[in-house]
Structures are given as C-alpha cells and as structure tokens.
Amino acid sequence: MYKIKVYVAHGYYQYEVKTMDAAIAHGQAIMNSGVYRRSNENGDVEFHKAYKVKVCGDGLASEYPDTFKRT
C-alpha cells in the first residue's frame, strides 16, 4: 500500500492506494489542480487548497537525490 498525504492550510489528509502508479497519478493530479476534494462525514463535498502532496511507500526513492538550500 502507498500513502498519499495532502497538506492543506489546517493540517493534512491522508489515504492509501494499492499501487505505486496509482499513488504517483493521485499526487500529480492533486498538484496539477491545486485542489483536494473530499467528502466529509455528512456526505458533503469539501474543496481544500493543496499546498503539498507526499507519496509514501516502498520503492519510491529517486535515483537522482537532490538537496534543498534556503536562500
């Protein structure tokens, strides 16, 4: 299983998908739209601005690691 974490203004939502391809596709789709859409416990649809998406799971490491520098 692969975990998707969608960071919004007040925290993050997370859910799991079964394949790496699905996880990458979900992450890219959310970042392309900039919006995370979900149904709350009442069945209402909520839209949240997505600030960051993390895809977590085995086999996702890049063969081209990068470093971050503050400017």
C-alpha atoms as a PDB file:
ATOM      1  CA  MET A   1       0.000   0.000   0.000  1.00  0.00           C
ATOM      2  CA  TYR A   2       1.070   3.570  -0.715  1.00  0.00           C
ATOM      3  CA  LYS A   3       0.036   6.506   1.416  1.00  0.00           C
ATOM      4  CA  ILE A   4      -0.968   9.897  -0.038  1.00  0.00           C
ATOM      5  CA  LYS A   5      -0.694  12.871   2.329  1.00  0.00           C
ATOM      6  CA  VAL A   6      -2.315  16.109   1.144  1.00  0.00           C
ATOM      7  CA  TYR A   7      -1.231  19.168   3.120  1.00  0.00           C
ATOM      8  CA  VAL A   8      -3.858  21.914   3.449  1.00  0.00           C
ATOM      9  CA  ALA A   9      -3.995  25.150   5.484  1.00  0.00           C
ATOM     10  CA  HIS A  10      -5.020  23.480   8.752  1.00  0.00           C
ATOM     11  CA  GLY A  11      -3.105  20.172   8.580  1.00  0.00           C
ATOM     12  CA  TYR A  12      -3.185  17.212   6.215  1.00  0.00           C
ATOM     13  CA  TYR A  13      -5.484  14.475   4.960  1.00  0.00           C
ATOM     14  CA  GLN A  14      -4.167  11.034   4.112  1.00  0.00           C
ATOM     15  CA  TYR A  15      -5.409   7.919   2.377  1.00  0.00           C
ATOM     16  CA  GLU A  16      -3.948   4.768   0.831  1.00  0.00           C
ATOM     17  CA  VAL A  17      -3.884   3.314  -2.669  1.00  0.00           C
ATOM     18  CA  LYS A  18      -2.673  -0.129  -3.755  1.00  0.00           C
ATOM     19  CA  THR A  19      -0.091   0.552  -6.472  1.00  0.00           C
ATOM     20  CA  MET A  20       2.859   2.877  -6.959  1.00  0.00           C
ATOM     21  CA  ASP A  21       1.482   4.026 -10.326  1.00  0.00           C
ATOM     22  CA  ALA A  22      -1.844   4.968  -8.722  1.00  0.00           C
ATOM     23  CA  ALA A  23      -0.052   6.807  -5.909  1.00  0.00           C
ATOM     24  CA  ILE A  24       2.039   8.877  -8.320  1.00  0.00           C
ATOM     25  CA  ALA A  25      -1.015   9.590 -10.503  1.00  0.00           C
ATOM     26  CA  HIS A  26      -3.059  10.759  -7.483  1.00  0.00           C
ATOM     27  CA  GLY A  27      -0.252  13.025  -6.280  1.00  0.00           C
ATOM     28  CA  GLN A  28       0.251  14.565  -9.711  1.00  0.00           C
ATOM     29  CA  ALA A  29      -3.482  15.089 -10.286  1.00  0.00           C
ATOM     30  CA  ILE A  30      -3.898  16.874  -6.948  1.00  0.00           C
ATOM     31  CA  MET A  31      -0.892  19.128  -7.541  1.00  0.00           C
ATOM     32  CA  ASN A  32      -1.949  19.887 -11.135  1.00  0.00           C
ATOM     33  CA  SER A  33      -5.369  21.073  -9.982  1.00  0.00           C
ATOM     34  CA  GLY A  34      -4.087  22.644  -6.753  1.00  0.00           C
ATOM     35  CA  VAL A  35      -7.225  21.408  -5.001  1.00  0.00           C
ATOM     36  CA  TYR A  36      -8.014  18.411  -2.794  1.00  0.00           C
ATOM     37  CA  ARG A  37     -11.666  17.342  -2.981  1.00  0.00           C
ATOM     38  CA  ARG A  38     -13.144  15.104  -0.299  1.00  0.00           C
ATOM     39  CA  SER A  39     -16.471  14.003   1.135  1.00  0.00           C
ATOM     40  CA  ASN A  40     -16.952  14.720   4.833  1.00  0.00           C
ATOM     41  CA  GLU A  41     -18.852  12.541   7.314  1.00  0.00           C
ATOM     42  CA  ASN A  42     -22.158  14.198   6.282  1.00  0.00           C
ATOM     43  CA  GLY A  43     -21.601  13.355   2.626  1.00  0.00           C
ATOM     44  CA  ASP A  44     -20.914  16.989   1.712  1.00  0.00           C
ATOM     45  CA  VAL A  45     -18.107  17.647  -0.764  1.00  0.00           C
ATOM     46  CA  GLU A  46     -15.307  19.890   0.510  1.00  0.00           C
ATOM     47  CA  PHE A  47     -12.614  21.592  -1.563  1.00  0.00           C
ATOM     48  CA  HIS A  48      -9.267  22.476   0.015  1.00  0.00           C
ATOM     49  CA  LYS A  49      -6.278  24.308  -1.467  1.00  0.00           C
ATOM     50  CA  ALA A  50      -3.433  21.777  -1.621  1.00  0.00           C
ATOM     51  CA  TYR A  51      -0.071  23.192  -0.559  1.00  0.00           C
ATOM     52  CA  LYS A  52       1.951  19.990  -0.790  1.00  0.00           C
ATOM     53  CA  VAL A  53       1.465  16.295  -1.537  1.00  0.00           C
ATOM     54  CA  LYS A  54       3.652  13.489  -0.194  1.00  0.00           C
ATOM     55  CA  VAL A  55       3.562   9.981  -1.619  1.00  0.00           C
ATOM     56  CA  CYS A  56       4.978   7.429   0.838  1.00  0.00           C
ATOM     57  CA  GLY A  57       5.770   3.758   0.299  1.00  0.00           C
ATOM     58  CA  ASP A  58       8.414   1.249  -0.718  1.00  0.00           C
ATOM     59  CA  GLY A  59      10.278   1.680  -3.988  1.00  0.00           C
ATOM     60  CA  LEU A  60       9.704   5.415  -4.404  1.00  0.00           C
ATOM     61  CA  ALA A  61      13.264   6.621  -3.801  1.00  0.00           C
ATOM     62  CA  SER A  62      14.767   8.628  -6.631  1.00  0.00           C
ATOM     63  CA  GLU A  63      17.996   7.590  -8.272  1.00  0.00           C
ATOM     64  CA  TYR A  64      18.713  11.336  -8.550  1.00  0.00           C
ATOM     65  CA  PRO A  65      18.632  12.637  -4.952  1.00  0.00           C
ATOM     66  CA  ASP A  66      18.536  16.405  -4.542  1.00  0.00           C
ATOM     67  CA  THR A  67      19.326  18.828  -1.738  1.00  0.00           C
ATOM     68  CA  PHE A  68      17.415  21.879  -0.527  1.00  0.00           C
ATOM     69  CA  LYS A  69      19.144  25.181   0.253  1.00  0.00           C
ATOM     70  CA  ARG A  70      17.461  28.163   1.884  1.00  0.00           C
ATOM     71  CA  THR A  71      18.011  31.497   0.170  1.00  0.00           C
END
